[in-house]
Amino acid sequence: MSQAHLHLIINHLPIMGAMLGALVLIYGLFKKSEDTQAAAYGVLLIAALGAGVAYFTGEPAEEAIEDLPGIVKASIEQHEEFAMLGLLSMILLGLLACIGLYFIYKKSSLTFRFAKVVMIVCVIAFGLIGWTAYLGGKIRHTEFSSAQEKILMKTERESDQD
């Protein structure tokens, strides 16, 4: 399996992990269950690790497809630039999950208040990583591209033929 293949497989983990972690965390807050919150933090940690793997396999994935017909290099660059924001948000979320686990372990009085903060960051991180995925999907799924991007793609193809 190549790193490009790994990128395509693993890039769903941060998105789905952030969403699942948020839902489990909401349930843990609703039930006032530290065990459920700890499970949510575990899911968020795995999602953050997945974001790191997806980010660092992105460059080999780019190299594997950048010269294929129909690929708009501007779409790759846009995805690549936004991916750093998505990665940073997931790293922050992973760090907050670690702190949340520490609060649970220490039986801190801040446990539930902190979980609410993590929830807010989780929603923001989900939005950023989701937009990163959307931009990545536009690289090969031209049906998501705007009319302007389709014109650019056609122009790039024509210039490649010259």
N, C-alpha and C. Protein backbone atom coordinates (compact mmCIF):
# COMPACT_ATOMS: atom_id res chain seq x y z
N MET A 1 0.86 -1.18 0.00
CA MET A 1 0.00 0.00 0.00
C MET A 1 0.90 1.24 0.00
N SER A 2 0.61 2.16 -0.89
CA SER A 2 1.39 3.39 -0.97
C SER A 2 0.88 4.41 0.05
N GLN A 3 1.69 5.45 0.26
CA GLN A 3 1.26 6.51 1.17
C GLN A 3 0.06 7.26 0.60
N ALA A 4 -0.03 7.35 -0.73
CA ALA A 4 -1.20 7.99 -1.34
C ALA A 4 -2.46 7.21 -1.02
N HIS A 5 -2.36 5.87 -1.08
CA HIS A 5 -3.50 5.02 -0.75
C HIS A 5 -3.86 5.19 0.72
N LEU A 6 -2.85 5.21 1.58
CA LEU A 6 -3.08 5.41 3.01
C LEU A 6 -3.76 6.76 3.26
N HIS A 7 -3.36 7.78 2.53
CA HIS A 7 -3.98 9.10 2.68
C HIS A 7 -5.48 9.03 2.39
N LEU A 8 -5.83 8.35 1.31
CA LEU A 8 -7.24 8.24 0.94
C LEU A 8 -8.05 7.43 1.96
N ILE A 9 -7.42 6.47 2.58
CA ILE A 9 -8.11 5.64 3.57
C ILE A 9 -8.26 6.39 4.90
N ILE A 10 -7.17 6.98 5.36
CA ILE A 10 -7.13 7.54 6.72
C ILE A 10 -7.81 8.90 6.82
N ASN A 11 -7.98 9.61 5.69
CA ASN A 11 -8.51 10.97 5.79
C ASN A 11 -9.94 11.04 6.31
N HIS A 12 -10.63 9.92 6.32
CA HIS A 12 -11.99 9.92 6.86
C HIS A 12 -12.01 9.83 8.39
N LEU A 13 -10.92 9.34 8.96
CA LEU A 13 -10.87 9.15 10.42
C LEU A 13 -11.02 10.45 11.20
N PRO A 14 -10.31 11.52 10.87
CA PRO A 14 -10.50 12.75 11.65
C PRO A 14 -11.92 13.32 11.55
N ILE A 15 -12.52 13.21 10.39
CA ILE A 15 -13.87 13.74 10.20
C ILE A 15 -14.88 12.95 11.03
N MET A 16 -14.88 11.65 10.81
CA MET A 16 -15.84 10.80 11.52
C MET A 16 -15.51 10.75 13.02
N GLY A 17 -14.23 10.76 13.36
CA GLY A 17 -13.83 10.73 14.77
C GLY A 17 -14.26 11.98 15.52
N ALA A 18 -14.11 13.13 14.86
CA ALA A 18 -14.53 14.38 15.51
C ALA A 18 -16.04 14.39 15.71
N MET A 19 -16.77 13.91 14.71
CA MET A 19 -18.23 13.88 14.83
C MET A 19 -18.66 12.88 15.91
N LEU A 20 -18.11 11.68 15.87
CA LEU A 20 -18.48 10.66 16.87
C LEU A 20 -18.06 11.11 18.26
N GLY A 21 -16.84 11.65 18.38
CA GLY A 21 -16.37 12.13 19.68
C GLY A 21 -17.29 13.21 20.24
N ALA A 22 -17.74 14.12 19.38
CA ALA A 22 -18.66 15.17 19.82
C ALA A 22 -19.97 14.59 20.31
N LEU A 23 -20.50 13.63 19.57
CA LEU A 23 -21.78 13.02 19.98
C LEU A 23 -21.64 12.27 21.31
N VAL A 24 -20.56 11.54 21.47
CA VAL A 24 -20.34 10.82 22.73
C VAL A 24 -20.13 11.80 23.88
N LEU A 25 -19.41 12.89 23.60
CA LEU A 25 -19.18 13.90 24.64
C LEU A 25 -20.49 14.58 25.04
N ILE A 26 -21.34 14.87 24.08
CA ILE A 26 -22.66 15.46 24.39
C ILE A 26 -23.44 14.50 25.28
N TYR A 27 -23.42 13.23 24.92
CA TYR A 27 -24.13 12.23 25.73
C TYR A 27 -23.53 12.16 27.14
N GLY A 28 -22.21 12.21 27.24
CA GLY A 28 -21.55 12.18 28.55
C GLY A 28 -21.89 13.39 29.40
N LEU A 29 -22.01 14.54 28.77
CA LEU A 29 -22.41 15.75 29.50
C LEU A 29 -23.86 15.65 29.95
N PHE A 30 -24.71 15.17 29.06
CA PHE A 30 -26.13 15.03 29.38
C PHE A 30 -26.34 14.06 30.54
N LYS A 31 -25.63 12.94 30.51
CA LYS A 31 -25.76 11.92 31.56
C LYS A 31 -24.87 12.18 32.77
N LYS A 32 -24.03 13.22 32.67
CA LYS A 32 -23.06 13.54 33.72
C LYS A 32 -22.19 12.32 34.05
N SER A 33 -21.74 11.66 33.00
CA SER A 33 -20.95 10.45 33.12
C SER A 33 -19.50 10.72 32.73
N GLU A 34 -18.61 10.64 33.70
CA GLU A 34 -17.19 10.82 33.42
C GLU A 34 -16.65 9.67 32.57
N ASP A 35 -17.17 8.47 32.74
CA ASP A 35 -16.73 7.34 31.92
C ASP A 35 -17.05 7.57 30.45
N THR A 36 -18.23 8.10 30.17
CA THR A 36 -18.62 8.39 28.79
C THR A 36 -17.78 9.54 28.23
N GLN A 37 -17.50 10.53 29.05
CA GLN A 37 -16.63 11.61 28.61
C GLN A 37 -15.23 11.09 28.30
N ALA A 38 -14.72 10.18 29.13
CA ALA A 38 -13.41 9.59 28.89
C ALA A 38 -13.40 8.82 27.57
N ALA A 39 -14.48 8.12 27.27
CA ALA A 39 -14.59 7.41 25.99
C ALA A 39 -14.56 8.41 24.84
N ALA A 40 -15.26 9.52 24.99
CA ALA A 40 -15.27 10.56 23.96
C ALA A 40 -13.86 11.11 23.74
N TYR A 41 -13.14 11.34 24.83
CA TYR A 41 -11.78 11.85 24.72
C TYR A 41 -10.88 10.84 24.01
N GLY A 42 -11.11 9.56 24.25
CA GLY A 42 -10.35 8.53 23.55
C GLY A 42 -10.60 8.58 22.05
N VAL A 43 -11.86 8.74 21.67
CA VAL A 43 -12.21 8.84 20.25
C VAL A 43 -11.56 10.08 19.64
N LEU A 44 -11.59 11.19 20.37
CA LEU A 44 -11.01 12.43 19.86
C LEU A 44 -9.49 12.32 19.72
N LEU A 45 -8.85 11.61 20.63
CA LEU A 45 -7.40 11.38 20.51
C LEU A 45 -7.07 10.57 19.25
N ILE A 46 -7.83 9.53 19.01
CA ILE A 46 -7.62 8.72 17.81
C ILE A 46 -7.86 9.56 16.55
N ALA A 47 -8.88 10.40 16.58
CA ALA A 47 -9.17 11.28 15.44
C ALA A 47 -8.01 12.25 15.20
N ALA A 48 -7.44 12.79 16.28
CA ALA A 48 -6.31 13.71 16.15
C ALA A 48 -5.09 13.01 15.56
N LEU A 49 -4.84 11.80 16.01
CA LEU A 49 -3.72 11.02 15.44
C LEU A 49 -3.96 10.74 13.96
N GLY A 50 -5.21 10.43 13.62
CA GLY A 50 -5.56 10.21 12.22
C GLY A 50 -5.34 11.45 11.38
N ALA A 51 -5.60 12.62 11.94
CA ALA A 51 -5.38 13.87 11.22
C ALA A 51 -3.89 14.04 10.92
N GLY A 52 -3.06 13.68 11.87
CA GLY A 52 -1.61 13.76 11.65
C GLY A 52 -1.16 12.84 10.52
N VAL A 53 -1.66 11.62 10.54
CA VAL A 53 -1.31 10.66 9.49
C VAL A 53 -1.81 11.16 8.14
N ALA A 54 -3.03 11.65 8.10
CA ALA A 54 -3.60 12.16 6.84
C ALA A 54 -2.76 13.33 6.32
N TYR A 55 -2.36 14.22 7.21
CA TYR A 55 -1.57 15.38 6.79
C TYR A 55 -0.22 14.96 6.22
N PHE A 56 0.46 14.07 6.93
CA PHE A 56 1.81 13.72 6.51
C PHE A 56 1.86 12.73 5.34
N THR A 57 0.74 12.16 4.97
CA THR A 57 0.69 11.35 3.75
C THR A 57 0.12 12.16 2.58
N GLY A 58 -0.20 13.41 2.83
CA GLY A 58 -0.77 14.26 1.79
C GLY A 58 0.21 14.59 0.67
N GLU A 59 1.44 14.87 1.02
CA GLU A 59 2.43 15.22 0.00
C GLU A 59 2.69 14.04 -0.95
N PRO A 60 2.89 12.81 -0.44
CA PRO A 60 3.03 11.69 -1.38
C PRO A 60 1.77 11.47 -2.22
N ALA A 61 0.61 11.74 -1.66
CA ALA A 61 -0.63 11.61 -2.44
C ALA A 61 -0.64 12.64 -3.56
N GLU A 62 -0.19 13.85 -3.26
CA GLU A 62 -0.12 14.89 -4.29
C GLU A 62 0.82 14.48 -5.41
N GLU A 63 1.98 13.98 -5.05
CA GLU A 63 2.96 13.56 -6.06
C GLU A 63 2.42 12.44 -6.94
N ALA A 64 1.58 11.60 -6.38
CA ALA A 64 1.04 10.47 -7.14
C ALA A 64 0.00 10.89 -8.18
N ILE A 65 -0.68 12.02 -7.94
CA ILE A 65 -1.79 12.38 -8.85
C ILE A 65 -1.60 13.70 -9.59
N GLU A 66 -0.62 14.51 -9.22
CA GLU A 66 -0.55 15.86 -9.77
C GLU A 66 -0.39 15.92 -11.29
N ASP A 67 0.14 14.87 -11.89
CA ASP A 67 0.32 14.89 -13.34
C ASP A 67 -0.74 14.09 -14.09
N LEU A 68 -1.74 13.60 -13.38
CA LEU A 68 -2.81 12.85 -14.03
C LEU A 68 -3.72 13.81 -14.81
N PRO A 69 -4.30 13.36 -15.91
CA PRO A 69 -5.23 14.22 -16.66
C PRO A 69 -6.45 14.57 -15.82
N GLY A 70 -6.89 15.81 -15.93
CA GLY A 70 -8.09 16.25 -15.23
C GLY A 70 -7.84 16.78 -13.84
N ILE A 71 -6.60 16.78 -13.39
CA ILE A 71 -6.28 17.28 -12.05
C ILE A 71 -5.98 18.77 -12.15
N VAL A 72 -6.66 19.55 -11.35
CA VAL A 72 -6.43 21.00 -11.29
C VAL A 72 -5.48 21.26 -10.13
N LYS A 73 -4.29 21.72 -10.48
CA LYS A 73 -3.26 21.94 -9.45
C LYS A 73 -3.70 22.98 -8.43
N ALA A 74 -4.51 23.93 -8.84
CA ALA A 74 -5.01 24.95 -7.91
C ALA A 74 -5.86 24.31 -6.81
N SER A 75 -6.60 23.26 -7.16
CA SER A 75 -7.42 22.56 -6.16
C SER A 75 -6.54 21.86 -5.14
N ILE A 76 -5.44 21.28 -5.61
CA ILE A 76 -4.50 20.62 -4.70
C ILE A 76 -3.91 21.64 -3.74
N GLU A 77 -3.48 22.78 -4.28
CA GLU A 77 -2.86 23.81 -3.45
C GLU A 77 -3.84 24.35 -2.41
N GLN A 78 -5.08 24.57 -2.82
CA GLN A 78 -6.10 25.08 -1.90
C GLN A 78 -6.32 24.07 -0.77
N HIS A 79 -6.41 22.80 -1.11
CA HIS A 79 -6.59 21.74 -0.11
C HIS A 79 -5.37 21.69 0.82
N GLU A 80 -4.20 21.75 0.25
CA GLU A 80 -2.96 21.66 1.02
C GLU A 80 -2.83 22.83 2.01
N GLU A 81 -3.16 24.03 1.56
CA GLU A 81 -3.06 25.20 2.44
C GLU A 81 -4.05 25.12 3.60
N PHE A 82 -5.27 24.71 3.32
CA PHE A 82 -6.29 24.64 4.36
C PHE A 82 -6.05 23.46 5.31
N ALA A 83 -5.35 22.43 4.81
CA ALA A 83 -5.09 21.24 5.62
C ALA A 83 -4.31 21.58 6.89
N MET A 84 -3.45 22.59 6.82
CA MET A 84 -2.68 22.98 8.00
C MET A 84 -3.61 23.49 9.10
N LEU A 85 -4.63 24.25 8.74
CA LEU A 85 -5.60 24.72 9.75
C LEU A 85 -6.36 23.54 10.35
N GLY A 86 -6.76 22.62 9.49
CA GLY A 86 -7.45 21.43 9.98
C GLY A 86 -6.57 20.63 10.92
N LEU A 87 -5.31 20.46 10.55
CA LEU A 87 -4.38 19.71 11.41
C LEU A 87 -4.19 20.41 12.75
N LEU A 88 -3.96 21.71 12.73
CA LEU A 88 -3.76 22.45 13.98
C LEU A 88 -4.98 22.36 14.89
N SER A 89 -6.17 22.43 14.30
CA SER A 89 -7.38 22.33 15.12
C SER A 89 -7.51 20.94 15.74
N MET A 90 -7.12 19.92 14.99
CA MET A 90 -7.20 18.55 15.52
C MET A 90 -6.11 18.29 16.57
N ILE A 91 -4.94 18.90 16.39
CA ILE A 91 -3.89 18.78 17.41
C ILE A 91 -4.38 19.42 18.71
N LEU A 92 -4.97 20.62 18.60
CA LEU A 92 -5.52 21.29 19.79
C LEU A 92 -6.58 20.41 20.44
N LEU A 93 -7.44 19.83 19.62
CA LEU A 93 -8.49 18.96 20.15
C LEU A 93 -7.90 17.75 20.86
N GLY A 94 -6.86 17.16 20.30
CA GLY A 94 -6.19 16.03 20.94
C GLY A 94 -5.56 16.41 22.27
N LEU A 95 -4.93 17.58 22.30
CA LEU A 95 -4.33 18.06 23.56
C LEU A 95 -5.41 18.31 24.62
N LEU A 96 -6.50 18.91 24.21
CA LEU A 96 -7.60 19.15 25.15
C LEU A 96 -8.20 17.84 25.64
N ALA A 97 -8.26 16.84 24.78
CA ALA A 97 -8.75 15.52 25.20
C ALA A 97 -7.83 14.92 26.26
N CYS A 98 -6.53 15.10 26.10
CA CYS A 98 -5.57 14.61 27.10
C CYS A 98 -5.78 15.33 28.44
N ILE A 99 -5.98 16.63 28.37
CA ILE A 99 -6.23 17.40 29.61
C ILE A 99 -7.53 16.95 30.24
N GLY A 100 -8.55 16.72 29.43
CA GLY A 100 -9.84 16.24 29.95
C GLY A 100 -9.69 14.90 30.63
N LEU A 101 -8.90 14.00 30.05
CA LEU A 101 -8.65 12.70 30.69
C LEU A 101 -7.91 12.88 32.02
N TYR A 102 -6.99 13.83 32.05
CA TYR A 102 -6.26 14.12 33.29
C TYR A 102 -7.22 14.63 34.36
N PHE A 103 -8.13 15.54 33.99
CA PHE A 103 -9.12 16.05 34.95
C PHE A 103 -10.00 14.93 35.49
N ILE A 104 -10.39 14.02 34.62
CA ILE A 104 -11.21 12.88 35.07
C ILE A 104 -10.40 12.02 36.04
N TYR A 105 -9.16 11.73 35.67
CA TYR A 105 -8.28 10.90 36.50
C TYR A 105 -8.08 11.52 37.89
N LYS A 106 -7.90 12.84 37.93
CA LYS A 106 -7.66 13.55 39.20
C LYS A 106 -8.95 13.91 39.93
N LYS A 107 -10.10 13.54 39.36
CA LYS A 107 -11.40 13.86 39.97
C LYS A 107 -11.54 15.37 40.21
N SER A 108 -11.16 16.14 39.22
CA SER A 108 -11.18 17.59 39.31
C SER A 108 -12.61 18.12 39.30
N SER A 109 -12.80 19.23 39.98
CA SER A 109 -14.11 19.88 39.97
C SER A 109 -14.35 20.58 38.62
N LEU A 110 -13.31 20.71 37.81
CA LEU A 110 -13.42 21.37 36.50
C LEU A 110 -13.84 20.43 35.38
N THR A 111 -13.99 19.15 35.68
CA THR A 111 -14.21 18.14 34.66
C THR A 111 -15.37 18.48 33.72
N PHE A 112 -16.53 18.81 34.26
CA PHE A 112 -17.70 19.04 33.41
C PHE A 112 -17.63 20.39 32.69
N ARG A 113 -17.10 21.40 33.36
CA ARG A 113 -16.96 22.70 32.70
C ARG A 113 -15.95 22.61 31.55
N PHE A 114 -14.87 21.86 31.81
CA PHE A 114 -13.86 21.70 30.78
C PHE A 114 -14.42 20.93 29.57
N ALA A 115 -15.25 19.96 29.83
CA ALA A 115 -15.86 19.17 28.75
C ALA A 115 -16.69 20.07 27.83
N LYS A 116 -17.31 21.09 28.39
CA LYS A 116 -18.07 22.03 27.56
C LYS A 116 -17.16 22.83 26.64
N VAL A 117 -15.99 23.21 27.15
CA VAL A 117 -15.00 23.91 26.34
C VAL A 117 -14.52 23.00 25.20
N VAL A 118 -14.23 21.75 25.55
CA VAL A 118 -13.79 20.78 24.54
C VAL A 118 -14.87 20.61 23.48
N MET A 119 -16.11 20.61 23.89
CA MET A 119 -17.21 20.47 22.95
C MET A 119 -17.21 21.60 21.92
N ILE A 120 -17.00 22.81 22.38
CA ILE A 120 -16.97 23.97 21.48
C ILE A 120 -15.80 23.84 20.49
N VAL A 121 -14.62 23.49 21.01
CA VAL A 121 -13.45 23.32 20.15
C VAL A 121 -13.69 22.18 19.17
N CYS A 122 -14.36 21.14 19.61
CA CYS A 122 -14.66 19.99 18.76
C CYS A 122 -15.53 20.39 17.57
N VAL A 123 -16.51 21.21 17.81
CA VAL A 123 -17.39 21.67 16.72
C VAL A 123 -16.59 22.50 15.71
N ILE A 124 -15.74 23.37 16.22
CA ILE A 124 -14.90 24.19 15.33
C ILE A 124 -13.94 23.31 14.54
N ALA A 125 -13.28 22.38 15.22
CA ALA A 125 -12.34 21.48 14.55
C ALA A 125 -13.05 20.63 13.50
N PHE A 126 -14.25 20.17 13.83
CA PHE A 126 -15.03 19.39 12.86
C PHE A 126 -15.31 20.21 11.61
N GLY A 127 -15.66 21.48 11.79
CA GLY A 127 -15.91 22.35 10.65
C GLY A 127 -14.66 22.54 9.80
N LEU A 128 -13.52 22.77 10.44
CA LEU A 128 -12.28 22.98 9.71
C LEU A 128 -11.82 21.72 8.98
N ILE A 129 -11.88 20.60 9.66
CA ILE A 129 -11.43 19.35 9.04
C ILE A 129 -12.43 18.92 7.96
N GLY A 130 -13.70 19.20 8.17
CA GLY A 130 -14.71 18.90 7.16
C GLY A 130 -14.50 19.72 5.90
N TRP A 131 -14.17 21.01 6.06
CA TRP A 131 -13.92 21.86 4.89
C TRP A 131 -12.65 21.40 4.17
N THR A 132 -11.65 21.00 4.93
CA THR A 132 -10.43 20.47 4.33
C THR A 132 -10.76 19.25 3.48
N ALA A 133 -11.61 18.38 3.99
CA ALA A 133 -12.00 17.18 3.25
C ALA A 133 -12.79 17.56 2.00
N TYR A 134 -13.66 18.54 2.11
CA TYR A 134 -14.43 19.00 0.96
C TYR A 134 -13.48 19.49 -0.14
N LEU A 135 -12.49 20.28 0.24
CA LEU A 135 -11.52 20.78 -0.74
C LEU A 135 -10.72 19.62 -1.34
N GLY A 136 -10.39 18.63 -0.53
CA GLY A 136 -9.69 17.46 -1.04
C GLY A 136 -10.54 16.66 -2.00
N GLY A 137 -11.81 16.55 -1.71
CA GLY A 137 -12.72 15.81 -2.58
C GLY A 137 -12.85 16.46 -3.95
N LYS A 138 -12.72 17.77 -4.01
CA LYS A 138 -12.84 18.48 -5.28
C LYS A 138 -11.67 18.19 -6.22
N ILE A 139 -10.58 17.64 -5.68
CA ILE A 139 -9.42 17.35 -6.52
C ILE A 139 -9.76 16.29 -7.56
N ARG A 140 -10.45 15.25 -7.15
CA ARG A 140 -10.79 14.16 -8.07
C ARG A 140 -12.28 14.09 -8.41
N HIS A 141 -13.09 14.71 -7.62
CA HIS A 141 -14.53 14.67 -7.85
C HIS A 141 -14.95 15.99 -8.47
N THR A 142 -14.80 16.08 -9.77
CA THR A 142 -15.06 17.35 -10.46
C THR A 142 -16.53 17.74 -10.45
N GLU A 143 -17.41 16.79 -10.09
CA GLU A 143 -18.83 17.14 -10.01
C GLU A 143 -19.09 18.14 -8.88
N PHE A 144 -18.14 18.31 -7.95
CA PHE A 144 -18.28 19.28 -6.87
C PHE A 144 -17.68 20.63 -7.23
N SER A 145 -17.03 20.72 -8.38
CA SER A 145 -16.35 21.94 -8.78
C SER A 145 -17.33 22.96 -9.33
N SER A 146 -16.98 24.22 -9.16
CA SER A 146 -17.80 25.30 -9.70
C SER A 146 -17.55 25.42 -11.20
N ALA A 147 -18.36 26.18 -11.87
CA ALA A 147 -18.19 26.39 -13.31
C ALA A 147 -16.84 27.03 -13.59
N GLN A 148 -16.41 27.95 -12.75
CA GLN A 148 -15.12 28.61 -12.93
C GLN A 148 -13.97 27.61 -12.84
N GLU A 149 -14.04 26.68 -11.88
CA GLU A 149 -13.01 25.67 -11.73
C GLU A 149 -13.00 24.72 -12.93
N LYS A 150 -14.17 24.42 -13.47
CA LYS A 150 -14.24 23.54 -14.65
C LYS A 150 -13.60 24.21 -15.86
N ILE A 151 -13.75 25.51 -15.99
CA ILE A 151 -13.10 26.25 -17.08
C ILE A 151 -11.59 26.20 -16.89
N LEU A 152 -11.13 26.40 -15.66
CA LEU A 152 -9.71 26.33 -15.35
C LEU A 152 -9.15 24.95 -15.68
N MET A 153 -9.90 23.90 -15.33
CA MET A 153 -9.48 22.54 -15.60
C MET A 153 -9.34 22.33 -17.10
N LYS A 154 -10.32 22.81 -17.86
CA LYS A 154 -10.29 22.66 -19.31
C LYS A 154 -9.10 23.42 -19.89
N THR A 155 -8.83 24.61 -19.39
CA THR A 155 -7.71 25.41 -19.85
C THR A 155 -6.39 24.71 -19.55
N GLU A 156 -6.25 24.13 -18.34
CA GLU A 156 -5.03 23.41 -17.99
C GLU A 156 -4.83 22.20 -18.90
N ARG A 157 -5.91 21.47 -19.18
CA ARG A 157 -5.82 20.30 -20.08
C ARG A 157 -5.36 20.73 -21.47
N GLU A 158 -5.93 21.83 -21.97
CA GLU A 158 -5.57 22.30 -23.30
C GLU A 158 -4.13 22.76 -23.35
N SER A 159 -3.64 23.41 -22.28
CA SER A 159 -2.25 23.86 -22.26
C SER A 159 -1.28 22.69 -22.12
N ASP A 160 -1.72 21.61 -21.46
CA ASP A 160 -0.90 20.40 -21.35
C ASP A 160 -0.75 19.70 -22.69
N GLN A 161 -1.76 19.84 -23.58
CA GLN A 161 -1.72 19.19 -24.88
C GLN A 161 -0.83 19.94 -25.86
N ASP A 162 -0.58 21.21 -25.60
CA ASP A 162 0.26 22.03 -26.51
C ASP A 162 1.72 21.71 -26.39
